[in-house]
Amino acid sequence: MKNLCWIRRDLRLHDHAALSHALSSGETTIVFIFDKHILDKLKNKSDKRVTFIMQSLQEMEKTLQKKDSSLIIRYGKPEEEIPLLCEELKIQKVFTNRDYEPYAKKRDDTVAKKLALMNVEFETFKDGVFCEKTEVLTGSGTIYKVFTPYKNKWLEHFEATGNNVSDFECPLKNIRKFSHKKNILDYPWYKEIGFVEDAPLLTGGTSEALKRLKKFDKLMPEYKEARNFPAVDGTSNLSVYIRFGNLSIRDMIRAGISDRSEGAQTWLSEIIWRDFYHMILETHPYVEKESFKRDYDQIKWQGTDEDFQAWCEGRTGFPIVDAAMRCLNETGMMHNRPRMIVASFLCKILLVDWRKGEKYFAEHLLDYDLAANNGGWQWSSSSGCDAQPYFRIFNPYTQSEKFDGDGTFIRQWVPELARASKKEIHRPDPLLFQDYPRPIVSYEANRVRCLAMYSAALPKTK
């Protein structure tokens, strides 16, 4: 049988469900499509994520060339390119891993229907998550809307399967042998797709991902506490590798269950949160543009465009917020704790619609993932499932003092405050630091405005 394995956000040659099944059933060709539907929407033509993808594909190509094979690369619309390629190569079956985002599901449905007319099979596999929507249900067979009981049931399911996180073996002996001039190493694909190379802080590919995973093994025991401090090397720095599938979800879980520390339990909990948000997105696709809690779409956001722009540029006059945003703008990365701080600040201090912040993150985060990004923003704005209550508002000053006490992170990204003392760096005196922006709003006053804004929009409980 002649098979085609279509890779998307699973850029690896190991522990890959679709590739494993394809290789085991016949001669297999691997294809990656630079999707015009996605790329044409990217405003920045030096997008670091494109370079990360290129690096990942180049590493895969080097491995395949050692097997006298190659990746097929296309630039176009998948619903057109996949059928054309199947006709060209006389493909009998297409294998791919499932994607749960609304666009991806619609895309795959369209491709499947076109292939059916050609008598080409189209089969998808669970790979990007450990538990899909129907695998973790309440006792009455419904979807969980609260994380903790979902997590407990997830763990029960995990135990029931015997903690099975074994590899999908991908022996390349059945890979199609061929070479071509338009391979990812020799052809000017940046020019073809209209982008320029812009090296990200992290190098794409499985080799680098595995190195970071091995390094994180040593940090795992301290992860529960260390992950909250942006100036400390206490996180995995693996989110982008998970996002683009350089590592499998099973790689992540194996790392978590190999250690019995509280840090490892926290790590595993973060993986379960990821499954939870993907389940919510798939079962409630409206959350892509609307609040999970519909009542929260009645909020009359009072923030100004000027305040939103100041937030984007890291010039709000709140040091921890500005440091985080400047870091994001330069590197495409942001530590988890600052993500919560800046999101709460935008929605509940600047009083700006969470959707604007979510969109900005989508445009700039190297590890951008719709389900996780959307879930995080709705959590921060209190509009999502199992979100923090609307009256819980992060104080940017106390958050700064607690999680960047020495001001190390702030000094790295806000050089105007480099000479500030540990005490004054969190709330600098405008008269002493005149080259740093004054606070654009009063935290205390806007906290009161926030509570009134939310309260006015939400139904009154009896």
Protein backbone atom coordinates (compact mmCIF):
# COMPACT_ATOMS: atom_id res chain seq x y z
CA MET A 1 0.00 0.00 0.00
CA LYS A 2 1.21 3.50 -0.83
CA ASN A 3 0.65 5.80 2.15
CA LEU A 4 0.97 9.49 2.81
CA CYS A 5 1.65 10.77 6.34
CA TRP A 6 0.59 14.39 6.62
CA ILE A 7 2.40 16.14 9.48
CA ARG A 8 1.16 19.44 10.91
CA ARG A 9 1.85 20.31 14.55
CA ASP A 10 3.73 17.04 15.15
CA LEU A 11 7.19 17.75 13.72
CA ARG A 12 9.10 14.65 14.78
CA LEU A 13 10.01 11.16 13.57
CA HIS A 14 9.58 9.32 16.88
CA ASP A 15 6.60 8.30 19.01
CA HIS A 16 4.23 9.51 16.32
CA ALA A 17 0.87 7.76 16.07
CA ALA A 18 0.02 8.53 12.44
CA LEU A 19 3.53 7.89 11.16
CA SER A 20 3.75 4.64 13.10
CA HIS A 21 0.51 3.31 11.62
CA ALA A 22 1.47 4.45 8.13
CA LEU A 23 4.89 2.81 8.23
CA SER A 24 3.48 -0.43 9.54
CA SER A 25 1.01 -0.75 6.67
CA GLY A 26 3.06 0.15 3.62
CA GLU A 27 5.49 2.42 1.80
CA THR A 28 5.15 5.88 3.30
CA THR A 29 5.85 9.41 2.12
CA ILE A 30 5.79 12.31 4.59
CA VAL A 31 4.39 15.69 3.60
CA PHE A 32 4.30 19.09 5.29
CA ILE A 33 2.25 21.95 3.87
CA PHE A 34 2.95 25.61 4.52
CA ASP A 35 -0.71 26.49 4.85
CA LYS A 36 -1.68 29.69 3.01
CA HIS A 37 -4.79 30.00 5.15
CA ILE A 38 -2.53 30.40 8.21
CA LEU A 39 0.58 32.10 6.84
CA ASP A 40 -1.30 34.76 4.89
CA LYS A 41 -2.81 36.02 8.14
CA LEU A 42 0.56 36.58 9.81
CA LYS A 43 1.40 40.29 9.72
CA ASN A 44 5.06 39.93 10.64
CA LYS A 45 6.97 38.34 7.78
CA SER A 46 9.92 37.67 10.08
CA ASP A 47 7.77 35.57 12.43
CA LYS A 48 10.04 33.52 14.70
CA ARG A 49 7.56 30.63 14.66
CA VAL A 50 8.11 30.14 10.94
CA THR A 51 11.85 29.87 11.52
CA PHE A 52 11.25 27.41 14.37
CA ILE A 53 9.16 25.26 12.01
CA MET A 54 11.88 25.50 9.34
CA GLN A 55 14.52 24.35 11.81
CA SER A 56 12.34 21.43 12.88
CA LEU A 57 11.71 20.35 9.29
CA GLN A 58 15.39 20.69 8.41
CA GLU A 59 16.34 18.35 11.24
CA MET A 60 13.76 15.81 10.05
CA GLU A 61 15.06 16.12 6.48
CA LYS A 62 18.62 15.34 7.55
CA THR A 63 17.43 12.16 9.22
CA LEU A 64 15.35 11.12 6.21
CA GLN A 65 18.18 11.77 3.77
CA LYS A 66 20.28 9.26 5.70
CA LYS A 67 17.54 6.78 4.78
CA ASP A 68 17.68 7.90 1.11
CA SER A 69 14.35 9.66 1.54
CA SER A 70 13.03 13.19 1.92
CA LEU A 71 10.12 15.31 3.10
CA ILE A 72 7.72 16.60 0.49
CA ILE A 73 7.05 20.28 1.12
CA ARG A 74 4.19 22.23 -0.39
CA TYR A 75 2.96 25.81 -0.10
CA GLY A 76 -0.74 26.25 -0.67
CA LYS A 77 -4.18 25.29 0.60
CA PRO A 78 -4.24 21.81 2.15
CA GLU A 79 -7.65 20.98 0.70
CA GLU A 80 -6.06 21.43 -2.73
CA GLU A 81 -2.51 20.20 -2.14
CA ILE A 82 -3.30 16.87 -0.44
CA PRO A 83 -5.63 15.58 -3.20
CA LEU A 84 -3.14 16.71 -5.88
CA LEU A 85 -0.30 14.92 -4.14
CA CYS A 86 -2.37 11.76 -3.70
CA GLU A 87 -3.10 11.74 -7.43
CA GLU A 88 0.54 12.41 -8.30
CA LEU A 89 1.93 9.63 -6.08
CA LYS A 90 -0.93 7.16 -6.51
CA ILE A 91 -1.57 7.30 -2.77
CA GLN A 92 -4.11 4.84 -1.37
CA LYS A 93 -4.36 6.12 2.20
CA VAL A 94 -3.57 9.33 4.09
CA PHE A 95 -2.59 9.15 7.77
CA THR A 96 -2.57 12.16 10.07
CA ASN A 97 -2.89 13.05 13.75
CA ARG A 98 -6.03 14.80 14.96
CA ASP A 99 -6.10 18.53 15.58
CA TYR A 100 -8.92 19.90 17.73
CA GLU A 101 -9.01 23.56 16.72
CA PRO A 102 -12.11 24.72 14.79
CA TYR A 103 -10.18 25.63 11.64
CA ALA A 104 -8.26 22.35 11.68
CA LYS A 105 -11.39 20.24 12.09
CA LYS A 106 -13.11 22.02 9.19
CA ARG A 107 -9.95 21.67 7.05
CA ASP A 108 -9.68 17.94 7.73
CA ASP A 109 -13.37 17.35 7.01
CA THR A 110 -12.96 19.08 3.64
CA VAL A 111 -9.85 17.06 2.78
CA ALA A 112 -11.51 13.79 3.82
CA LYS A 113 -14.54 14.44 1.60
CA LYS A 114 -12.35 15.25 -1.41
CA LEU A 115 -10.25 12.14 -0.89
CA ALA A 116 -13.34 9.96 -0.56
CA LEU A 117 -14.34 11.01 -4.07
CA MET A 118 -10.94 9.74 -5.21
CA ASN A 119 -11.30 6.45 -3.30
CA VAL A 120 -8.42 7.45 -1.05
CA GLU A 121 -8.81 6.60 2.63
CA PHE A 122 -8.26 9.29 5.26
CA GLU A 123 -7.56 8.16 8.83
CA THR A 124 -6.79 10.30 11.85
CA PHE A 125 -5.25 9.33 15.18
CA LYS A 126 -5.15 10.60 18.73
CA ASP A 127 -1.66 11.90 19.39
CA GLY A 128 -1.51 15.53 20.51
CA VAL A 129 -3.37 14.89 23.78
CA PHE A 130 -3.43 11.93 26.13
CA CYS A 131 -7.21 12.02 26.74
CA GLU A 132 -9.76 13.14 24.17
CA LYS A 133 -13.20 14.51 24.96
CA THR A 134 -15.06 11.20 25.33
CA GLU A 135 -12.43 9.51 27.47
CA VAL A 136 -12.88 11.61 30.61
CA LEU A 137 -16.56 12.13 31.42
CA THR A 138 -18.66 12.67 34.53
CA GLY A 139 -20.65 9.83 36.05
CA SER A 140 -23.66 10.92 34.00
CA GLY A 141 -21.62 10.89 30.79
CA THR A 142 -21.27 14.65 30.37
CA ILE A 143 -18.30 16.96 29.88
CA TYR A 144 -16.47 18.25 32.94
CA LYS A 145 -16.54 22.01 33.40
CA VAL A 146 -14.42 22.13 36.55
CA PHE A 147 -10.77 21.17 36.46
CA THR A 148 -10.17 19.34 39.75
CA PRO A 149 -12.77 16.59 39.25
CA TYR A 150 -11.62 16.34 35.63
CA LYS A 151 -8.06 15.87 36.82
CA ASN A 152 -9.09 13.18 39.31
CA LYS A 153 -11.00 11.29 36.61
CA TRP A 154 -8.09 11.73 34.18
CA LEU A 155 -5.78 10.13 36.74
CA GLU A 156 -8.26 7.30 37.28
CA HIS A 157 -8.33 6.71 33.54
CA PHE A 158 -4.54 6.80 33.45
CA GLU A 159 -4.33 4.19 36.21
CA ALA A 160 -6.97 2.04 34.50
CA THR A 161 -4.90 1.93 31.32
CA GLY A 162 -1.93 0.69 33.33
CA ASN A 163 -0.11 4.01 33.08
CA ASN A 164 0.50 3.12 29.44
CA VAL A 165 2.67 5.76 27.81
CA SER A 166 4.67 3.46 25.56
CA ASP A 167 6.12 4.74 22.29
CA PHE A 168 4.51 4.50 18.89
CA GLU A 169 7.45 2.92 17.12
CA CYS A 170 8.41 4.55 13.83
CA PRO A 171 10.94 2.31 12.01
CA LEU A 172 11.88 4.10 8.81
CA LYS A 173 12.55 0.95 6.77
CA ASN A 174 9.21 1.48 4.99
CA ILE A 175 9.89 5.10 4.13
CA ARG A 176 9.69 5.91 0.41
CA LYS A 177 13.13 6.21 -1.19
CA PHE A 178 13.52 9.32 -3.33
CA SER A 179 15.20 12.71 -3.53
CA HIS A 180 14.17 16.05 -5.02
CA LYS A 181 15.55 19.53 -5.56
CA LYS A 182 12.84 21.31 -3.53
CA ASN A 183 13.80 19.69 -0.23
CA ILE A 184 13.82 21.89 2.88
CA LEU A 185 17.63 21.98 3.03
CA ASP A 186 18.41 23.09 -0.53
CA TYR A 187 15.40 25.05 -1.78
CA PRO A 188 14.75 28.71 -0.79
CA TRP A 189 11.50 28.03 1.04
CA TYR A 190 11.57 31.34 2.95
CA LYS A 191 11.37 33.18 -0.36
CA GLU A 192 8.71 30.80 -1.65
CA ILE A 193 6.36 31.48 1.25
CA GLY A 194 7.18 35.17 1.57
CA PHE A 195 8.96 35.16 4.94
CA VAL A 196 12.48 35.92 6.14
CA GLU A 197 14.54 33.96 8.62
CA ASP A 198 14.40 35.25 12.19
CA ALA A 199 16.08 32.87 14.60
CA PRO A 200 14.07 32.32 17.80
CA LEU A 201 15.65 32.16 21.23
CA LEU A 202 15.05 28.41 21.24
CA THR A 203 16.22 26.21 18.37
CA GLY A 204 13.57 24.07 16.73
CA GLY A 205 13.82 20.30 16.46
CA THR A 206 13.64 17.13 18.52
CA SER A 207 17.35 16.99 19.40
CA GLU A 208 17.21 20.32 21.22
CA ALA A 209 13.89 19.37 22.81
CA LEU A 210 15.30 16.14 24.23
CA LYS A 211 18.31 18.02 25.64
CA ARG A 212 15.98 20.43 27.44
CA LEU A 213 13.81 17.59 28.68
CA LYS A 214 16.86 15.85 30.13
CA LYS A 215 17.97 19.09 31.79
CA PHE A 216 14.48 19.56 33.22
CA ASP A 217 14.64 16.14 34.86
CA LYS A 218 17.11 17.66 37.32
CA LEU A 219 14.91 20.72 37.92
CA MET A 220 11.68 18.76 38.30
CA PRO A 221 11.74 18.35 42.12
CA GLU A 222 11.79 22.14 42.60
CA TYR A 223 9.34 22.90 39.81
CA LYS A 224 6.29 23.51 42.01
CA GLU A 225 7.86 26.58 43.62
CA ALA A 226 10.58 27.60 41.15
CA ARG A 227 8.13 27.95 38.23
CA ASN A 228 6.68 31.11 39.84
CA PHE A 229 9.89 33.15 39.70
CA PRO A 230 10.68 34.62 36.25
CA ALA A 231 14.32 35.35 37.09
CA VAL A 232 14.94 31.73 38.13
CA ASP A 233 15.71 28.93 35.68
CA GLY A 234 12.98 26.78 37.17
CA THR A 235 10.72 25.92 34.24
CA SER A 236 11.07 23.39 31.45
CA ASN A 237 11.20 25.83 28.52
CA LEU A 238 9.48 23.05 26.59
CA SER A 239 6.13 24.65 25.75
CA VAL A 240 7.14 25.57 22.20
CA TYR A 241 8.45 22.04 21.60
CA ILE A 242 5.13 20.66 22.79
CA ARG A 243 3.24 23.15 20.65
CA PHE A 244 4.99 22.09 17.44
CA GLY A 245 5.25 18.44 18.40
CA ASN A 246 9.02 18.09 18.54
CA LEU A 247 8.22 16.02 21.62
CA SER A 248 5.18 13.82 22.11
CA ILE A 249 2.64 14.15 24.90
CA ARG A 250 3.89 10.75 26.06
CA ASP A 251 7.43 12.10 26.35
CA MET A 252 6.01 14.73 28.70
CA ILE A 253 4.05 12.28 30.83
CA ARG A 254 6.96 9.84 31.10
CA ALA A 255 9.08 12.66 32.48
CA GLY A 256 6.41 13.42 35.08
CA ILE A 257 5.80 9.89 36.33
CA SER A 258 9.49 9.03 36.58
CA ASP A 259 9.76 11.35 39.61
CA ARG A 260 7.58 11.20 42.73
CA SER A 261 8.29 14.75 43.90
CA GLU A 262 5.68 17.48 44.34
CA GLY A 263 7.30 19.21 41.39
CA ALA A 264 6.61 16.21 39.18
CA GLN A 265 3.00 16.12 40.35
CA THR A 266 2.67 19.79 39.45
CA TRP A 267 4.19 19.11 36.03
CA LEU A 268 1.71 16.30 35.41
CA SER A 269 -1.12 18.59 36.53
CA GLU A 270 -0.05 21.15 33.91
CA ILE A 271 -0.24 18.44 31.23
CA ILE A 272 -3.76 17.59 32.41
CA TRP A 273 -4.73 21.29 32.24
CA ARG A 274 -3.61 21.17 28.61
CA ASP A 275 -5.89 18.20 27.88
CA PHE A 276 -8.70 19.98 29.75
CA TYR A 277 -8.45 23.14 27.64
CA HIS A 278 -8.30 21.14 24.40
CA MET A 279 -11.41 19.27 25.49
CA ILE A 280 -13.22 22.53 26.27
CA LEU A 281 -12.28 24.01 22.88
CA GLU A 282 -13.43 20.94 20.98
CA THR A 283 -16.72 20.55 22.83
CA HIS A 284 -17.47 24.29 23.06
CA PRO A 285 -15.94 25.78 19.88
CA TYR A 286 -17.72 29.10 20.49
CA VAL A 287 -15.08 29.90 23.14
CA GLU A 288 -12.69 30.78 20.33
CA LYS A 289 -14.45 34.14 20.08
CA GLU A 290 -16.87 34.24 23.03
CA SER A 291 -16.76 33.76 26.78
CA PHE A 292 -17.42 30.26 28.10
CA LYS A 293 -19.62 31.96 30.68
CA ARG A 294 -21.97 33.76 28.31
CA ASP A 295 -22.97 36.39 30.88
CA TYR A 296 -19.45 37.80 30.78
CA ASP A 297 -19.96 38.90 27.19
CA GLN A 298 -22.32 41.54 28.60
CA ILE A 299 -19.43 43.39 30.25
CA LYS A 300 -18.98 46.96 28.99
CA TRP A 301 -15.21 47.18 28.85
CA GLN A 302 -14.08 50.68 29.81
CA GLY A 303 -10.41 50.55 28.86
CA THR A 304 -9.02 52.83 26.15
CA ASP A 305 -7.08 52.03 23.00
CA GLU A 306 -4.24 54.16 24.35
CA ASP A 307 -4.03 52.07 27.52
CA PHE A 308 -4.06 48.86 25.48
CA GLN A 309 -1.26 50.14 23.26
CA ALA A 310 0.81 51.09 26.32
CA TRP A 311 0.31 47.54 27.64
CA CYS A 312 1.41 46.08 24.30
CA GLU A 313 4.57 48.17 24.26
CA GLY A 314 5.52 47.69 27.91
CA ARG A 315 5.15 51.30 29.00
CA THR A 316 2.35 51.17 31.56
CA GLY A 317 4.45 52.44 34.47
CA PHE A 318 4.01 49.12 36.31
CA PRO A 319 7.49 47.54 36.24
CA ILE A 320 6.59 43.82 36.39
CA VAL A 321 4.00 44.27 33.64
CA ASP A 322 6.34 46.26 31.41
CA ALA A 323 9.21 43.80 31.90
CA ALA A 324 7.01 40.88 30.89
CA MET A 325 5.63 42.60 27.80
CA ARG A 326 9.04 43.79 26.61
CA CYS A 327 10.35 40.25 27.05
CA LEU A 328 7.48 38.92 24.96
CA ASN A 329 7.99 41.49 22.22
CA GLU A 330 11.69 40.77 21.89
CA THR A 331 11.82 37.00 22.40
CA GLY A 332 8.33 35.64 21.71
CA MET A 333 8.39 34.09 25.17
CA MET A 334 6.82 34.84 28.53
CA HIS A 335 7.13 33.05 31.85
CA ASN A 336 3.93 31.54 33.28
CA ARG A 337 3.64 33.81 36.34
CA PRO A 338 4.04 37.03 34.32
CA ARG A 339 1.41 35.73 31.88
CA MET A 340 -1.10 35.65 34.71
CA ILE A 341 0.01 39.04 36.00
CA VAL A 342 -0.21 40.87 32.66
CA ALA A 343 -3.51 39.21 31.74
CA SER A 344 -5.15 40.12 35.04
CA PHE A 345 -3.71 43.62 34.71
CA LEU A 346 -5.11 44.15 31.22
CA CYS A 347 -8.61 42.93 32.03
CA LYS A 348 -9.05 44.04 35.61
CA ILE A 349 -6.88 47.13 35.97
CA LEU A 350 -6.85 48.58 32.47
CA LEU A 351 -10.40 47.25 31.96
CA VAL A 352 -9.66 46.04 28.41
CA ASP A 353 -11.51 43.14 26.78
CA TRP A 354 -9.60 39.86 27.27
CA ARG A 355 -9.98 39.09 23.55
CA LYS A 356 -7.58 41.92 22.67
CA GLY A 357 -4.93 40.46 24.94
CA GLU A 358 -5.52 36.97 23.64
CA LYS A 359 -5.09 38.17 20.06
CA TYR A 360 -1.87 39.99 20.93
CA PHE A 361 -0.47 36.86 22.54
CA ALA A 362 -1.54 34.84 19.49
CA GLU A 363 0.49 37.16 17.28
CA HIS A 364 3.62 37.16 19.43
CA LEU A 365 3.96 33.97 21.50
CA LEU A 366 6.39 31.44 20.10
CA ASP A 367 4.44 28.67 21.86
CA TYR A 368 1.01 30.00 20.89
CA ASP A 369 -1.65 27.33 21.21
CA LEU A 370 -5.29 28.33 20.74
CA ALA A 371 -6.73 26.05 23.42
CA ALA A 372 -4.19 26.96 26.11
CA ASN A 373 -4.05 30.65 25.22
CA ASN A 374 -7.82 30.99 25.14
CA GLY A 375 -8.22 29.01 28.34
CA GLY A 376 -5.60 31.08 30.13
CA TRP A 377 -7.11 34.40 29.12
CA GLN A 378 -10.61 33.34 30.04
CA TRP A 379 -9.30 32.10 33.38
CA SER A 380 -7.64 35.45 34.06
CA SER A 381 -10.71 37.44 33.02
CA SER A 382 -13.00 35.11 35.03
CA SER A 383 -15.04 34.39 31.91
CA GLY A 384 -13.96 30.80 31.38
CA CYS A 385 -14.76 27.42 32.87
CA ASP A 386 -13.37 26.95 36.38
CA ALA A 387 -11.87 30.45 36.23
CA GLN A 388 -10.85 32.56 39.20
CA PRO A 389 -13.76 34.64 40.59
CA TYR A 390 -14.08 38.12 39.10
CA PHE A 391 -13.31 39.79 42.41
CA ARG A 392 -9.88 38.15 42.56
CA ILE A 393 -7.60 40.78 41.11
CA PHE A 394 -3.82 40.45 41.05
CA ASN A 395 -2.05 43.37 42.66
CA PRO A 396 0.89 44.03 40.31
CA TYR A 397 2.94 45.57 43.09
CA THR A 398 2.64 42.70 45.54
CA GLN A 399 3.02 40.14 42.74
CA SER A 400 6.23 41.88 41.76
CA GLU A 401 7.55 41.96 45.33
CA LYS A 402 6.67 38.30 45.91
CA PHE A 403 7.94 36.77 42.68
CA ASP A 404 10.75 39.15 41.65
CA GLY A 405 11.81 40.39 45.07
CA ASP A 406 15.31 41.45 44.03
CA GLY A 407 14.03 43.03 40.83
CA THR A 408 16.33 40.88 38.71
CA PHE A 409 13.74 40.19 36.02
CA ILE A 410 12.61 43.81 35.95
CA ARG A 411 16.17 45.14 35.60
CA GLN A 412 16.81 42.77 32.70
CA TRP A 413 13.93 44.17 30.65
CA VAL A 414 13.43 47.68 32.06
CA PRO A 415 16.90 49.26 31.98
CA GLU A 416 15.45 52.62 33.07
CA LEU A 417 15.18 51.07 36.56
CA ALA A 418 18.62 49.43 36.63
CA ARG A 419 19.84 51.62 39.51
CA ALA A 420 16.67 51.27 41.58
CA SER A 421 16.93 49.64 44.99
CA LYS A 422 15.13 46.39 45.81
CA LYS A 423 12.44 48.36 47.57
CA GLU A 424 11.79 51.11 45.05
CA ILE A 425 12.04 49.03 41.87
CA HIS A 426 8.55 47.60 42.30
CA ARG A 427 6.88 50.99 42.63
CA PRO A 428 9.41 53.59 41.48
CA ASP A 429 9.07 57.26 42.36
CA PRO A 430 8.40 59.19 39.12
CA LEU A 431 10.52 62.08 40.38
CA LEU A 432 13.56 59.82 40.81
CA PHE A 433 13.11 57.84 37.60
CA GLN A 434 11.91 60.40 35.11
CA ASP A 435 12.85 58.36 32.04
CA TYR A 436 10.47 55.59 33.10
CA PRO A 437 6.72 56.09 32.40
CA ARG A 438 4.42 57.18 35.19
CA PRO A 439 1.62 54.69 35.93
CA ILE A 440 -1.04 55.20 33.27
CA VAL A 441 -3.81 54.37 35.76
CA SER A 442 -4.24 54.09 39.52
CA TYR A 443 -4.28 50.45 40.59
CA GLU A 444 -6.37 51.23 43.65
CA ALA A 445 -8.97 53.32 41.81
CA ASN A 446 -9.26 50.98 38.84
CA ARG A 447 -9.64 47.96 41.07
CA VAL A 448 -12.82 49.57 42.41
CA ARG A 449 -13.95 50.41 38.87
CA CYS A 450 -13.34 46.81 37.83
CA LEU A 451 -15.53 45.37 40.55
CA ALA A 452 -18.32 47.76 39.61
CA MET A 453 -17.92 46.99 35.89
CA TYR A 454 -18.20 43.23 36.41
CA SER A 455 -20.96 43.52 38.98
CA ALA A 456 -23.10 45.67 36.68
CA ALA A 457 -22.93 43.10 33.87
CA LEU A 458 -23.52 39.89 35.80
CA PRO A 459 -26.85 38.49 36.97
CA LYS A 460 -27.66 39.29 40.57
CA THR A 461 -27.89 36.20 42.76
CA LYS A 462 -30.87 35.96 45.10
